[in-house]
Amino acid sequence: MIKSLNKSNEKFRQHARARDRLIEEFHRVMKPKSVFNLDSHRLTEDNIISTVTGHSLFKISKKLKKTLAFERIYSEVNEID
């Protein structure tokens, strides 16, 4: 039982790290003021918003019928190039 929980926890951490890297990579390759749309049938709207905006790299720009639009935030602090 404990091994199973440890495996589950590790998979969750791996998933969270992969999600964070994906958001950071989106930010890296998008031009300032760029927008991307996101829809997920697995996550709630609030969960999507907090996940994407939690790094202060994107802000929600509009809510569409089934999709959320996020705008890339530009600041010299989070620019690598």
N, C-alpha and C. Protein backbone atom coordinates (compact mmCIF):
# COMPACT_ATOMS: atom_id res chain seq x y z
N MET A 1 0.82 -1.19 0.00
CA MET A 1 0.00 0.00 0.00
C MET A 1 0.87 1.27 0.00
N ILE A 2 1.91 1.30 0.83
CA ILE A 2 2.78 2.48 0.90
C ILE A 2 3.54 2.66 -0.40
N LYS A 3 4.02 1.55 -1.00
CA LYS A 3 4.71 1.65 -2.29
C LYS A 3 3.80 2.24 -3.34
N SER A 4 2.56 1.82 -3.34
CA SER A 4 1.58 2.34 -4.30
C SER A 4 1.37 3.83 -4.12
N LEU A 5 1.27 4.30 -2.87
CA LEU A 5 1.11 5.73 -2.61
C LEU A 5 2.34 6.51 -3.04
N ASN A 6 3.52 5.97 -2.78
CA ASN A 6 4.75 6.64 -3.19
C ASN A 6 4.83 6.76 -4.70
N LYS A 7 4.43 5.69 -5.41
CA LYS A 7 4.42 5.75 -6.89
C LYS A 7 3.42 6.79 -7.37
N SER A 8 2.25 6.83 -6.76
CA SER A 8 1.23 7.82 -7.14
C SER A 8 1.73 9.23 -6.89
N ASN A 9 2.35 9.45 -5.74
CA ASN A 9 2.88 10.79 -5.43
C ASN A 9 3.97 11.19 -6.42
N GLU A 10 4.83 10.26 -6.77
CA GLU A 10 5.91 10.57 -7.72
C GLU A 10 5.33 10.88 -9.10
N LYS A 11 4.35 10.12 -9.52
CA LYS A 11 3.71 10.40 -10.82
C LYS A 11 3.05 11.77 -10.82
N PHE A 12 2.41 12.12 -9.71
CA PHE A 12 1.78 13.44 -9.60
C PHE A 12 2.84 14.54 -9.71
N ARG A 13 3.95 14.38 -8.99
CA ARG A 13 5.04 15.38 -9.04
C ARG A 13 5.63 15.49 -10.45
N GLN A 14 5.80 14.36 -11.12
CA GLN A 14 6.32 14.38 -12.49
C GLN A 14 5.36 15.12 -13.42
N HIS A 15 4.08 14.84 -13.26
CA HIS A 15 3.07 15.51 -14.07
C HIS A 15 3.08 17.02 -13.83
N ALA A 16 3.17 17.42 -12.57
CA ALA A 16 3.19 18.85 -12.23
C ALA A 16 4.42 19.53 -12.79
N ARG A 17 5.58 18.87 -12.71
CA ARG A 17 6.81 19.44 -13.28
C ARG A 17 6.70 19.57 -14.79
N ALA A 18 6.15 18.56 -15.45
CA ALA A 18 5.99 18.61 -16.92
C ALA A 18 5.04 19.73 -17.31
N ARG A 19 3.97 19.90 -16.56
CA ARG A 19 3.00 20.97 -16.83
C ARG A 19 3.68 22.33 -16.67
N ASP A 20 4.46 22.51 -15.61
CA ASP A 20 5.16 23.77 -15.38
C ASP A 20 6.17 24.06 -16.49
N ARG A 21 6.90 23.04 -16.92
CA ARG A 21 7.87 23.23 -18.01
C ARG A 21 7.16 23.61 -19.31
N LEU A 22 6.00 23.03 -19.55
CA LEU A 22 5.24 23.35 -20.75
C LEU A 22 4.80 24.81 -20.74
N ILE A 23 4.30 25.28 -19.61
CA ILE A 23 3.88 26.68 -19.51
C ILE A 23 5.08 27.61 -19.70
N GLU A 24 6.20 27.27 -19.09
CA GLU A 24 7.41 28.08 -19.26
C GLU A 24 7.89 28.08 -20.71
N GLU A 25 7.78 26.95 -21.39
CA GLU A 25 8.19 26.86 -22.79
C GLU A 25 7.25 27.67 -23.69
N PHE A 26 5.95 27.61 -23.42
CA PHE A 26 5.01 28.47 -24.16
C PHE A 26 5.45 29.92 -24.04
N HIS A 27 5.75 30.35 -22.83
CA HIS A 27 6.15 31.74 -22.60
C HIS A 27 7.44 32.06 -23.34
N ARG A 28 8.37 31.14 -23.34
CA ARG A 28 9.66 31.39 -23.98
C ARG A 28 9.52 31.59 -25.49
N VAL A 29 8.68 30.82 -26.14
CA VAL A 29 8.62 30.86 -27.61
C VAL A 29 7.60 31.86 -28.14
N MET A 30 6.71 32.35 -27.30
CA MET A 30 5.70 33.30 -27.76
C MET A 30 6.23 34.73 -27.71
N LYS A 31 5.80 35.52 -28.69
CA LYS A 31 6.17 36.93 -28.71
C LYS A 31 5.36 37.67 -27.64
N PRO A 32 5.89 38.84 -27.18
CA PRO A 32 5.12 39.63 -26.22
C PRO A 32 3.73 39.94 -26.77
N LYS A 33 2.75 39.94 -25.89
CA LYS A 33 1.34 40.21 -26.21
C LYS A 33 0.69 39.10 -27.04
N SER A 34 1.38 37.98 -27.24
CA SER A 34 0.78 36.85 -27.95
C SER A 34 -0.29 36.23 -27.06
N VAL A 35 -1.22 35.54 -27.71
CA VAL A 35 -2.33 34.92 -26.99
C VAL A 35 -2.42 33.46 -27.40
N PHE A 36 -2.72 32.58 -26.45
CA PHE A 36 -3.04 31.21 -26.79
C PHE A 36 -4.35 30.82 -26.12
N ASN A 37 -5.08 29.95 -26.78
CA ASN A 37 -6.38 29.49 -26.28
C ASN A 37 -6.21 28.09 -25.70
N LEU A 38 -6.93 27.85 -24.61
CA LEU A 38 -6.82 26.56 -23.94
C LEU A 38 -8.20 26.08 -23.52
N ASP A 39 -8.43 24.80 -23.75
CA ASP A 39 -9.67 24.15 -23.32
C ASP A 39 -9.29 22.79 -22.79
N SER A 40 -9.92 22.41 -21.71
CA SER A 40 -9.68 21.08 -21.15
C SER A 40 -10.97 20.53 -20.59
N HIS A 41 -11.32 19.37 -21.04
CA HIS A 41 -12.53 18.73 -20.51
C HIS A 41 -12.24 18.05 -19.18
N ARG A 42 -10.97 17.99 -18.77
CA ARG A 42 -10.59 17.31 -17.53
C ARG A 42 -10.44 18.26 -16.35
N LEU A 43 -10.23 19.54 -16.60
CA LEU A 43 -10.00 20.51 -15.53
C LEU A 43 -11.12 21.53 -15.46
N THR A 44 -11.35 22.07 -14.28
CA THR A 44 -12.33 23.14 -14.14
C THR A 44 -11.73 24.44 -14.66
N GLU A 45 -12.58 25.39 -14.95
CA GLU A 45 -12.12 26.69 -15.42
C GLU A 45 -11.17 27.33 -14.41
N ASP A 46 -11.53 27.29 -13.13
CA ASP A 46 -10.69 27.87 -12.09
C ASP A 46 -9.33 27.18 -12.01
N ASN A 47 -9.31 25.86 -12.19
CA ASN A 47 -8.06 25.11 -12.15
C ASN A 47 -7.16 25.51 -13.32
N ILE A 48 -7.74 25.65 -14.49
CA ILE A 48 -6.96 26.07 -15.68
C ILE A 48 -6.37 27.45 -15.45
N ILE A 49 -7.20 28.37 -14.99
CA ILE A 49 -6.75 29.75 -14.78
C ILE A 49 -5.61 29.80 -13.76
N SER A 50 -5.78 29.13 -12.63
CA SER A 50 -4.74 29.19 -11.60
C SER A 50 -3.46 28.49 -12.06
N THR A 51 -3.58 27.43 -12.84
CA THR A 51 -2.40 26.72 -13.33
C THR A 51 -1.61 27.59 -14.30
N VAL A 52 -2.30 28.20 -15.25
CA VAL A 52 -1.61 28.98 -16.29
C VAL A 52 -1.11 30.32 -15.76
N THR A 53 -1.88 30.96 -14.91
CA THR A 53 -1.48 32.29 -14.43
C THR A 53 -0.61 32.22 -13.17
N GLY A 54 -0.46 31.05 -12.60
CA GLY A 54 0.28 30.90 -11.35
C GLY A 54 1.75 31.24 -11.41
N HIS A 55 2.33 31.26 -12.58
CA HIS A 55 3.75 31.57 -12.74
C HIS A 55 4.00 33.04 -13.06
N SER A 56 2.92 33.80 -13.17
CA SER A 56 3.00 35.23 -13.55
C SER A 56 3.62 35.41 -14.93
N LEU A 57 3.44 34.43 -15.79
CA LEU A 57 3.93 34.51 -17.17
C LEU A 57 2.80 34.81 -18.15
N PHE A 58 1.57 34.51 -17.74
CA PHE A 58 0.39 34.73 -18.57
C PHE A 58 -0.72 35.33 -17.73
N LYS A 59 -1.61 36.07 -18.39
CA LYS A 59 -2.82 36.55 -17.73
C LYS A 59 -3.99 36.17 -18.63
N ILE A 60 -5.14 35.99 -18.01
CA ILE A 60 -6.31 35.64 -18.79
C ILE A 60 -6.74 36.87 -19.57
N SER A 61 -6.97 36.71 -20.87
CA SER A 61 -7.36 37.85 -21.68
C SER A 61 -8.84 37.83 -22.02
N LYS A 62 -9.42 36.64 -22.18
CA LYS A 62 -10.87 36.56 -22.34
C LYS A 62 -11.36 35.14 -22.17
N LYS A 63 -12.62 35.07 -21.82
CA LYS A 63 -13.28 33.78 -21.68
C LYS A 63 -14.21 33.63 -22.88
N LEU A 64 -13.96 32.61 -23.67
CA LEU A 64 -14.81 32.32 -24.81
C LEU A 64 -15.83 31.26 -24.39
N LYS A 65 -16.62 30.80 -25.32
CA LYS A 65 -17.68 29.85 -24.97
C LYS A 65 -17.16 28.63 -24.23
N LYS A 66 -16.18 27.94 -24.79
CA LYS A 66 -15.62 26.74 -24.15
C LYS A 66 -14.12 26.84 -23.99
N THR A 67 -13.56 27.99 -24.26
CA THR A 67 -12.11 28.15 -24.29
C THR A 67 -11.71 29.38 -23.49
N LEU A 68 -10.56 29.31 -22.88
CA LEU A 68 -9.97 30.46 -22.19
C LEU A 68 -8.80 30.96 -23.01
N ALA A 69 -8.69 32.27 -23.15
CA ALA A 69 -7.57 32.86 -23.87
C ALA A 69 -6.62 33.50 -22.86
N PHE A 70 -5.33 33.21 -23.03
CA PHE A 70 -4.30 33.73 -22.14
C PHE A 70 -3.30 34.56 -22.93
N GLU A 71 -2.96 35.72 -22.40
CA GLU A 71 -2.00 36.62 -23.04
C GLU A 71 -0.66 36.49 -22.33
N ARG A 72 0.39 36.44 -23.13
CA ARG A 72 1.74 36.38 -22.59
C ARG A 72 2.07 37.70 -21.93
N ILE A 73 2.58 37.65 -20.71
CA ILE A 73 2.99 38.85 -19.99
C ILE A 73 4.46 39.11 -20.31
N TYR A 74 4.75 40.33 -20.70
CA TYR A 74 6.13 40.70 -20.97
C TYR A 74 6.65 41.56 -19.83
N SER A 75 7.78 41.20 -19.32
CA SER A 75 8.50 42.06 -18.39
C SER A 75 9.98 41.72 -18.52
N GLU A 76 10.81 42.68 -18.30
CA GLU A 76 12.24 42.43 -18.43
C GLU A 76 12.73 41.43 -17.41
N VAL A 77 12.03 41.31 -16.30
CA VAL A 77 12.42 40.37 -15.25
C VAL A 77 12.31 38.93 -15.73
N ASN A 78 11.22 38.58 -16.47
CA ASN A 78 11.06 37.20 -16.88
C ASN A 78 11.54 36.92 -18.31
N GLU A 79 12.25 37.87 -18.89
CA GLU A 79 12.81 37.65 -20.22
C GLU A 79 14.23 37.11 -20.10
N ILE A 80 14.51 36.02 -20.77
CA ILE A 80 15.83 35.41 -20.73
C ILE A 80 16.71 35.96 -21.85
N ASP A 81 16.11 36.15 -23.01
CA ASP A 81 16.91 36.58 -24.18
C ASP A 81 17.38 38.00 -24.07
